[in-house]
C-alpha atoms as a PDB file:
ATOM      1  CA  MET A   1       0.000   0.000   0.000  1.00  0.00           C
ATOM      2  CA  ALA A   2       1.251   3.493  -0.887  1.00  0.00           C
ATOM      3  CA  ASN A   3       2.371   6.031   1.680  1.00  0.00           C
ATOM      4  CA  ILE A   4       0.076   9.020   2.117  1.00  0.00           C
ATOM      5  CA  LEU A   5       2.686  10.835   4.249  1.00  0.00           C
ATOM      6  CA  GLU A   6       6.466  10.756   3.998  1.00  0.00           C
ATOM      7  CA  VAL A   7       8.862  12.736   6.175  1.00  0.00           C
ATOM      8  CA  LYS A   8      12.482  12.614   5.047  1.00  0.00           C
ATOM      9  CA  ASN A   9      15.571  13.778   6.943  1.00  0.00           C
ATOM     10  CA  LEU A  10      13.522  16.269   8.940  1.00  0.00           C
ATOM     11  CA  THR A  11      15.455  18.450  11.373  1.00  0.00           C
ATOM     12  CA  THR A  12      13.919  21.197  13.496  1.00  0.00           C
ATOM     13  CA  LYS A  13      15.688  23.500  15.936  1.00  0.00           C
ATOM     14  CA  VAL A  14      14.069  25.886  18.405  1.00  0.00           C
ATOM     15  CA  SER A  15      16.184  28.398  20.353  1.00  0.00           C
ATOM     16  CA  GLY A  16      19.267  26.364  19.532  1.00  0.00           C
ATOM     17  CA  TYR A  17      17.762  23.058  20.685  1.00  0.00           C
ATOM     18  CA  THR A  18      17.268  20.222  18.219  1.00  0.00           C
ATOM     19  CA  ILE A  19      13.671  18.974  18.540  1.00  0.00           C
ATOM     20  CA  LEU A  20      13.538  16.666  15.516  1.00  0.00           C
ATOM     21  CA  ASN A  21      16.827  15.155  14.452  1.00  0.00           C
ATOM     22  CA  ASN A  22      17.129  13.894  10.857  1.00  0.00           C
ATOM     23  CA  LEU A  23      13.787  12.114  11.197  1.00  0.00           C
ATOM     24  CA  ASP A  24      12.397   9.682   8.611  1.00  0.00           C
ATOM     25  CA  PHE A  25       8.730   8.797   9.131  1.00  0.00           C
ATOM     26  CA  SER A  26       5.829   7.605   6.987  1.00  0.00           C
ATOM     27  CA  ILE A  27       2.154   6.614   7.180  1.00  0.00           C
ATOM     28  CA  GLN A  28       0.342   4.428   4.671  1.00  0.00           C
ATOM     29  CA  GLU A  29      -3.053   5.158   3.163  1.00  0.00           C
ATOM     30  CA  ASN A  30      -5.917   4.169   5.506  1.00  0.00           C
ATOM     31  CA  GLU A  31      -3.499   3.409   8.350  1.00  0.00           C
ATOM     32  CA  LEU A  32      -4.004   4.217  12.014  1.00  0.00           C
ATOM     33  CA  ARG A  33      -0.559   5.027  13.382  1.00  0.00           C
ATOM     34  CA  VAL A  34      -0.055   5.726  17.082  1.00  0.00           C
ATOM     35  CA  VAL A  35       2.944   7.872  18.033  1.00  0.00           C
ATOM     36  CA  LEU A  36       4.344   7.530  21.540  1.00  0.00           C
ATOM     37  CA  GLY A  37       7.156   9.188  23.420  1.00  0.00           C
ATOM     38  CA  PRO A  38       8.048  11.109  26.569  1.00  0.00           C
ATOM     39  CA  ASN A  39       7.536  14.852  26.864  1.00  0.00           C
ATOM     40  CA  GLY A  40       9.959  16.660  24.604  1.00  0.00           C
ATOM     41  CA  ALA A  41      10.343  13.730  22.218  1.00  0.00           C
ATOM     42  CA  GLY A  42       9.116  15.825  19.281  1.00  0.00           C
ATOM     43  CA  LYS A  43       5.589  14.438  18.800  1.00  0.00           C
ATOM     44  CA  THR A  44       3.687  17.730  18.672  1.00  0.00           C
ATOM     45  CA  THR A  45       6.540  19.380  16.787  1.00  0.00           C
ATOM     46  CA  LEU A  46       6.199  16.716  14.108  1.00  0.00           C
ATOM     47  CA  ILE A  47       2.506  17.609  13.747  1.00  0.00           C
ATOM     48  CA  ASP A  48       3.479  21.307  13.618  1.00  0.00           C
ATOM     49  CA  MET A  49       5.851  20.574  10.739  1.00  0.00           C
ATOM     50  CA  ILE A  50       3.356  18.462   8.788  1.00  0.00           C
ATOM     51  CA  THR A  51       0.613  21.092   9.064  1.00  0.00           C
ATOM     52  CA  GLY A  52       2.887  23.994   8.151  1.00  0.00           C
ATOM     53  CA  ARG A  53       2.708  25.742  11.503  1.00  0.00           C
ATOM     54  CA  TYR A  54       6.494  25.870  11.568  1.00  0.00           C
ATOM     55  CA  LYS A  55       9.089  25.289   8.887  1.00  0.00           C
ATOM     56  CA  PRO A  56      11.809  22.654   9.310  1.00  0.00           C
ATOM     57  CA  LYS A  57      15.459  23.620   9.244  1.00  0.00           C
ATOM     58  CA  THR A  58      16.217  20.798   6.814  1.00  0.00           C
ATOM     59  CA  GLY A  59      14.351  17.896   5.254  1.00  0.00           C
ATOM     60  CA  LYS A  60      11.221  17.332   3.189  1.00  0.00           C
ATOM     61  CA  ILE A  61       7.561  16.484   3.854  1.00  0.00           C
ATOM     62  CA  TYR A  62       5.491  14.782   1.153  1.00  0.00           C
ATOM     63  CA  PHE A  63       1.721  14.356   1.248  1.00  0.00           C
ATOM     64  CA  ASN A  64       0.073  12.237  -1.411  1.00  0.00           C
ATOM     65  CA  GLY A  65       3.349  12.383  -3.304  1.00  0.00           C
ATOM     66  CA  GLU A  66       3.482  16.196  -3.311  1.00  0.00           C
ATOM     67  CA  ASP A  67       6.164  18.236  -1.569  1.00  0.00           C
ATOM     68  CA  ILE A  68       4.336  20.369   1.039  1.00  0.00           C
ATOM     69  CA  THR A  69       7.446  21.454   2.947  1.00  0.00           C
ATOM     70  CA  GLY A  70       6.980  25.021   4.201  1.00  0.00           C
ATOM     71  CA  MET A  71       3.583  25.382   2.519  1.00  0.00           C
ATOM     72  CA  PRO A  72       1.109  27.675   4.374  1.00  0.00           C
ATOM     73  CA  PRO A  73      -1.229  25.836   6.787  1.00  0.00           C
ATOM     74  CA  ASP A  74      -4.390  26.796   4.890  1.00  0.00           C
ATOM     75  CA  LYS A  75      -3.090  25.279   1.664  1.00  0.00           C
ATOM     76  CA  ILE A  76      -2.045  22.085   3.457  1.00  0.00           C
ATOM     77  CA  PHE A  77      -5.534  21.899   4.961  1.00  0.00           C
ATOM     78  CA  VAL A  78      -7.181  22.255   1.554  1.00  0.00           C
ATOM     79  CA  LYS A  79      -5.035  19.400   0.252  1.00  0.00           C
ATOM     80  CA  GLY A  80      -6.568  17.125   2.896  1.00  0.00           C
ATOM     81  CA  VAL A  81      -4.630  17.361   6.161  1.00  0.00           C
ATOM     82  CA  SER A  82      -6.679  18.177   9.279  1.00  0.00           C
ATOM     83  CA  ARG A  83      -5.382  18.609  12.803  1.00  0.00           C
ATOM     84  CA  LYS A  84      -6.936  18.277  16.230  1.00  0.00           C
ATOM     85  CA  PHE A  85      -5.226  20.189  19.028  1.00  0.00           C
ATOM     86  CA  GLN A  86      -5.194  19.077  22.679  1.00  0.00           C
ATOM     87  CA  VAL A  87      -7.620  21.924  23.464  1.00  0.00           C
ATOM     88  CA  PRO A  88     -10.610  21.844  21.077  1.00  0.00           C
ATOM     89  CA  ASN A  89     -10.821  24.662  18.540  1.00  0.00           C
ATOM     90  CA  LEU A  90     -14.562  25.392  18.411  1.00  0.00           C
ATOM     91  CA  TYR A  91     -16.985  28.234  17.647  1.00  0.00           C
ATOM     92  CA  GLU A  92     -18.074  28.732  21.244  1.00  0.00           C
ATOM     93  CA  THR A  93     -21.219  30.840  20.732  1.00  0.00           C
ATOM     94  CA  LEU A  94     -22.617  28.759  17.869  1.00  0.00           C
ATOM     95  CA  SER A  95     -24.745  25.655  18.191  1.00  0.00           C
ATOM     96  CA  VAL A  96     -23.356  22.148  17.840  1.00  0.00           C
ATOM     97  CA  TYR A  97     -25.216  21.852  14.513  1.00  0.00           C
ATOM     98  CA  ASP A  98     -23.717  25.108  13.224  1.00  0.00           C
ATOM     99  CA  ASN A  99     -20.194  24.035  14.190  1.00  0.00           C
ATOM    100  CA  ILE A 100     -20.545  20.983  11.969  1.00  0.00           C
ATOM    101  CA  MET A 101     -22.188  23.029   9.214  1.00  0.00           C
ATOM    102  CA  VAL A 102     -19.385  25.583   8.918  1.00  0.00           C
ATOM    103  CA  SER A 103     -16.853  22.742   8.874  1.00  0.00           C
ATOM    104  CA  LEU A 104     -18.355  20.977   5.853  1.00  0.00           C
ATOM    105  CA  LYS A 105     -16.037  20.846   2.890  1.00  0.00           C
ATOM    106  CA  GLY A 106     -16.742  23.867   0.727  1.00  0.00           C
ATOM    107  CA  ARG A 107     -18.416  25.867   3.543  1.00  0.00           C
ATOM    108  CA  ARG A 108     -15.374  27.152   5.427  1.00  0.00           C
ATOM    109  CA  LYS A 109     -16.492  30.829   5.491  1.00  0.00           C
ATOM    110  CA  VAL A 110     -18.495  31.150   8.707  1.00  0.00           C
ATOM    111  CA  ILE A 111     -20.701  34.139   7.835  1.00  0.00           C
ATOM    112  CA  LYS A 112     -21.559  32.784   4.399  1.00  0.00           C
ATOM    113  CA  SER A 113     -22.385  29.382   5.873  1.00  0.00           C
ATOM    114  CA  LEU A 114     -24.595  30.758   8.657  1.00  0.00           C
ATOM    115  CA  PHE A 115     -26.681  33.009   6.429  1.00  0.00           C
ATOM    116  CA  GLY A 116     -26.722  30.832   3.347  1.00  0.00           C
ATOM    117  CA  LYS A 117     -29.284  28.164   2.595  1.00  0.00           C
ATOM    118  CA  VAL A 118     -28.478  24.688   3.889  1.00  0.00           C
ATOM    119  CA  GLU A 119     -29.130  22.250   1.072  1.00  0.00           C
ATOM    120  CA  LYS A 120     -30.783  18.926   1.869  1.00  0.00           C
ATOM    121  CA  GLN A 121     -27.595  17.038   1.043  1.00  0.00           C
ATOM    122  CA  ASP A 122     -25.612  19.168   3.509  1.00  0.00           C
ATOM    123  CA  ASN A 123     -28.309  18.893   6.184  1.00  0.00           C
ATOM    124  CA  ASP A 124     -28.354  15.113   5.839  1.00  0.00           C
ATOM    125  CA  ARG A 125     -24.570  15.011   6.122  1.00  0.00           C
ATOM    126  CA  ILE A 126     -24.614  17.194   9.257  1.00  0.00           C
ATOM    127  CA  TRP A 127     -27.112  14.896  10.990  1.00  0.00           C
ATOM    128  CA  GLU A 128     -25.126  11.867   9.882  1.00  0.00           C
ATOM    129  CA  ILE A 129     -22.028  13.283  11.574  1.00  0.00           C
ATOM    130  CA  LEU A 130     -23.973  14.299  14.691  1.00  0.00           C
ATOM    131  CA  ASP A 131     -25.234  10.710  14.985  1.00  0.00           C
ATOM    132  CA  PHE A 132     -21.698   9.429  14.390  1.00  0.00           C
ATOM    133  CA  ILE A 133     -20.325  11.454  17.329  1.00  0.00           C
ATOM    134  CA  SER A 134     -23.432  10.836  19.498  1.00  0.00           C
ATOM    135  CA  LEU A 135     -24.358  14.515  19.760  1.00  0.00           C
ATOM    136  CA  SER A 136     -27.683  14.566  17.865  1.00  0.00           C
ATOM    137  CA  ASP A 137     -29.529  15.391  21.081  1.00  0.00           C
ATOM    138  CA  LYS A 138     -27.235  18.401  21.574  1.00  0.00           C
ATOM    139  CA  ALA A 139     -27.633  19.773  18.039  1.00  0.00           C
ATOM    140  CA  GLU A 140     -29.295  23.047  19.051  1.00  0.00           C
ATOM    141  CA  ASP A 141     -27.230  23.568  22.208  1.00  0.00           C
ATOM    142  CA  SER A 142     -24.546  26.222  22.336  1.00  0.00           C
ATOM    143  CA  VAL A 143     -21.041  24.768  22.311  1.00  0.00           C
ATOM    144  CA  ASP A 144     -20.106  26.575  25.530  1.00  0.00           C
ATOM    145  CA  THR A 145     -22.605  24.360  27.396  1.00  0.00           C
ATOM    146  CA  LEU A 146     -20.914  21.094  26.420  1.00  0.00           C
ATOM    147  CA  ALA A 147     -18.947  18.878  28.777  1.00  0.00           C
ATOM    148  CA  HIS A 148     -15.247  18.286  28.151  1.00  0.00           C
ATOM    149  CA  GLY A 149     -15.640  14.962  26.371  1.00  0.00           C
ATOM    150  CA  GLN A 150     -18.483  16.234  24.218  1.00  0.00           C
ATOM    151  CA  ARG A 151     -16.306  19.130  23.070  1.00  0.00           C
ATOM    152  CA  GLN A 152     -13.590  16.703  21.994  1.00  0.00           C
ATOM    153  CA  TRP A 153     -16.088  14.591  20.070  1.00  0.00           C
ATOM    154  CA  LEU A 154     -17.536  17.655  18.392  1.00  0.00           C
ATOM    155  CA  GLU A 155     -14.128  18.690  17.117  1.00  0.00           C
ATOM    156  CA  LEU A 156     -13.560  15.182  15.783  1.00  0.00           C
ATOM    157  CA  GLY A 157     -16.890  15.524  13.979  1.00  0.00           C
ATOM    158  CA  MET A 158     -15.818  18.877  12.556  1.00  0.00           C
ATOM    159  CA  LEU A 159     -12.640  17.307  11.220  1.00  0.00           C
ATOM    160  CA  VAL A 160     -14.604  14.504   9.573  1.00  0.00           C
ATOM    161  CA  ALA A 161     -16.955  17.106   8.052  1.00  0.00           C
ATOM    162  CA  SER A 162     -14.022  18.712   6.237  1.00  0.00           C
ATOM    163  CA  GLU A 163     -13.398  15.379   4.438  1.00  0.00           C
ATOM    164  CA  PRO A 164      -9.668  15.093   5.136  1.00  0.00           C
ATOM    165  CA  LYS A 165      -7.418  12.384   3.790  1.00  0.00           C
ATOM    166  CA  LEU A 166      -5.183  12.488   6.882  1.00  0.00           C
ATOM    167  CA  LEU A 167      -6.183  13.363  10.458  1.00  0.00           C
ATOM    168  CA  LEU A 168      -3.534  14.335  12.996  1.00  0.00           C
ATOM    169  CA  LEU A 169      -4.861  13.896  16.546  1.00  0.00           C
ATOM    170  CA  ASP A 170      -2.829  15.312  19.427  1.00  0.00           C
ATOM    171  CA  GLU A 171      -3.762  13.628  22.747  1.00  0.00           C
ATOM    172  CA  PRO A 172      -7.559  13.755  22.268  1.00  0.00           C
ATOM    173  CA  THR A 173      -8.305  11.827  25.492  1.00  0.00           C
ATOM    174  CA  THR A 174      -6.500  14.215  27.862  1.00  0.00           C
ATOM    175  CA  GLY A 175      -8.619  15.059  30.912  1.00  0.00           C
ATOM    176  CA  MET A 176     -11.319  12.492  30.165  1.00  0.00           C
ATOM    177  CA  THR A 177     -12.918   9.920  32.434  1.00  0.00           C
ATOM    178  CA  LYS A 178     -12.424   6.241  31.660  1.00  0.00           C
ATOM    179  CA  ASP A 179     -15.828   6.093  29.952  1.00  0.00           C
ATOM    180  CA  GLY A 180     -14.946   9.169  27.939  1.00  0.00           C
ATOM    181  CA  LYS A 181     -11.639   7.656  26.861  1.00  0.00           C
ATOM    182  CA  ASP A 182     -13.350   4.413  25.862  1.00  0.00           C
ATOM    183  CA  LYS A 183     -15.880   6.280  23.744  1.00  0.00           C
ATOM    184  CA  THR A 184     -13.171   8.423  22.149  1.00  0.00           C
ATOM    185  CA  ALA A 185     -11.106   5.343  21.316  1.00  0.00           C
ATOM    186  CA  GLU A 186     -14.153   3.750  19.706  1.00  0.00           C
ATOM    187  CA  LEU A 187     -14.787   6.909  17.688  1.00  0.00           C
ATOM    188  CA  ILE A 188     -11.179   7.066  16.471  1.00  0.00           C
ATOM    189  CA  GLU A 189     -11.367   3.421  15.409  1.00  0.00           C
ATOM    190  CA  LYS A 190     -14.467   4.199  13.346  1.00  0.00           C
ATOM    191  CA  ILE A 191     -12.847   7.264  11.775  1.00  0.00           C
ATOM    192  CA  ALA A 192      -9.781   5.197  10.867  1.00  0.00           C
ATOM    193  CA  GLN A 193     -11.918   2.829   8.807  1.00  0.00           C
ATOM    194  CA  ASN A 194     -12.107   5.492   6.080  1.00  0.00           C
ATOM    195  CA  HIS A 195      -9.217   7.843   6.829  1.00  0.00           C
ATOM    196  CA  SER A 196      -5.503   7.803   7.498  1.00  0.00           C
ATOM    197  CA  VAL A 197      -4.967   8.754  11.142  1.00  0.00           C
ATOM    198  CA  MET A 198      -1.889   9.724  13.146  1.00  0.00           C
ATOM    199  CA  LEU A 199      -2.669   9.632  16.854  1.00  0.00           C
ATOM    200  CA  VAL A 200      -0.363  11.058  19.509  1.00  0.00           C
ATOM    201  CA  GLU A 201      -1.450   9.521  22.801  1.00  0.00           C
ATOM    202  CA  HIS A 202      -0.094   9.086  26.329  1.00  0.00           C
ATOM    203  CA  ASP A 203      -2.743   6.879  27.888  1.00  0.00           C
ATOM    204  CA  MET A 204      -1.529   3.296  27.493  1.00  0.00           C
ATOM    205  CA  ASP A 205      -4.989   1.816  28.049  1.00  0.00           C
ATOM    206  CA  VAL A 206      -6.214   3.718  24.998  1.00  0.00           C
ATOM    207  CA  VAL A 207      -3.096   2.760  23.042  1.00  0.00           C
ATOM    208  CA  ARG A 208      -3.489  -0.931  23.846  1.00  0.00           C
ATOM    209  CA  ARG A 209      -7.102  -0.832  22.752  1.00  0.00           C
ATOM    210  CA  ILE A 210      -6.678   0.662  19.294  1.00  0.00           C
ATOM    211  CA  ALA A 211      -3.007   0.528  18.257  1.00  0.00           C
ATOM    212  CA  LYS A 212      -1.628  -1.898  15.716  1.00  0.00           C
ATOM    213  CA  ASN A 213       1.467  -0.147  14.410  1.00  0.00           C
ATOM    214  CA  VAL A 214       3.223   2.324  16.683  1.00  0.00           C
ATOM    215  CA  THR A 215       6.174   4.679  16.439  1.00  0.00           C
ATOM    216  CA  VAL A 216       8.102   5.622  19.570  1.00  0.00           C
ATOM    217  CA  LEU A 217      10.006   8.904  19.445  1.00  0.00           C
ATOM    218  CA  ALA A 218      12.803   9.904  21.787  1.00  0.00           C
ATOM    219  CA  GLN A 219      14.990  12.995  21.454  1.00  0.00           C
ATOM    220  CA  GLY A 220      13.609  13.723  18.011  1.00  0.00           C
ATOM    221  CA  GLN A 221      14.390  10.338  16.518  1.00  0.00           C
ATOM    222  CA  ILE A 222      12.592   7.021  16.103  1.00  0.00           C
ATOM    223  CA  LEU A 223      13.500   4.753  18.982  1.00  0.00           C
ATOM    224  CA  ALA A 224      11.311   1.851  17.854  1.00  0.00           C
ATOM    225  CA  GLU A 225       8.611   1.160  15.303  1.00  0.00           C
ATOM    226  CA  GLY A 226       6.345  -1.742  14.452  1.00  0.00           C
ATOM    227  CA  PRO A 227       3.458  -3.786  15.877  1.00  0.00           C
ATOM    228  CA  LEU A 228       2.504  -2.760  19.412  1.00  0.00           C
ATOM    229  CA  SER A 229       3.030  -6.286  20.712  1.00  0.00           C
ATOM    230  CA  GLU A 230       6.683  -6.130  19.651  1.00  0.00           C
ATOM    231  CA  VAL A 231       7.442  -2.523  20.546  1.00  0.00           C
ATOM    232  CA  VAL A 232       6.255  -2.883  24.156  1.00  0.00           C
ATOM    233  CA  GLN A 233       8.838  -5.623  24.633  1.00  0.00           C
ATOM    234  CA  ASN A 234      11.707  -3.424  23.448  1.00  0.00           C
ATOM    235  CA  LYS A 235      14.089  -2.823  26.355  1.00  0.00           C
ATOM    236  CA  GLU A 236      14.997   0.688  25.234  1.00  0.00           C
ATOM    237  CA  VAL A 237      11.333   1.620  24.933  1.00  0.00           C
ATOM    238  CA  LYS A 238      10.607   0.305  28.404  1.00  0.00           C
ATOM    239  CA  ALA A 239      13.510   2.274  29.830  1.00  0.00           C
ATOM    240  CA  VAL A 240      12.717   5.550  28.059  1.00  0.00           C
ATOM    241  CA  TYR A 241       8.939   5.577  28.063  1.00  0.00           C
ATOM    242  CA  LEU A 242       6.818   2.540  28.778  1.00  0.00           C
ATOM    243  CA  GLY A 243       8.388   1.580  32.062  1.00  0.00           C
ATOM    244  CA  LYS A 244       6.819   4.415  34.007  1.00  0.00           C
ATOM    245  CA  GLY A 245       3.842   4.889  31.694  1.00  0.00           C
ATOM    246  CA  ALA A 246       2.760   1.265  31.856  1.00  0.00           C
ATOM    247  CA  GLN A 247       2.705   1.436  35.625  1.00  0.00           C
ATOM    248  CA  ASP A 248       0.916   4.711  36.270  1.00  0.00           C
ATOM    249  CA  GLY A 249      -1.196   4.962  33.091  1.00  0.00           C
ATOM    250  CA  THR A 250       0.372   8.180  31.818  1.00  0.00           C
END
């Protein structure tokens, strides 16, 4: 299967510190890849580079075979790369329904979307997504009334509405209850059936539930990569990351 994302010889330095160090990394089409690593390993920085938030010092990033290195974030988004931050990026004063509506592919201008006519096809798609994220009963509620987990699920729904080819999810279960984490893991599994997904996650219970192939970063380089069952047995991985994380659930 072809790679949808390829990172080659990527190096990033911030204030003189090397965050990513000559990194090679790839994700196949329709793959769910979980990225692990201790704080400072370069996980979020990698997402920043892929989405164009920052430019690498050296190296190349290819998406769908096209060089997107240093391309503006909005152009990378249009090409099919969507990102979820740790803190949801929502339209707080709009309804849950309207948040999905303005996120539909082709309706990215908020004012135009809110005052324009919602075609039946778009309306059906909005309700389909609301059902998918279990927020149909909250459709008319203002976003600022939602609980933490519901906000995370709404943003996942907004990403799906934009019809991305690759979703980059940065610790979406942070701050959730066990039930919330279970539901989020289930939702990510469903999303990954039709999308390529890169998931950065710390909670090992969530990782064990959904991960097949994992990449472990340490000091800006790949420490280990492969099936979860093999990676968790790697002595270096246990020493650097999993040893403490497997015990306390971080």
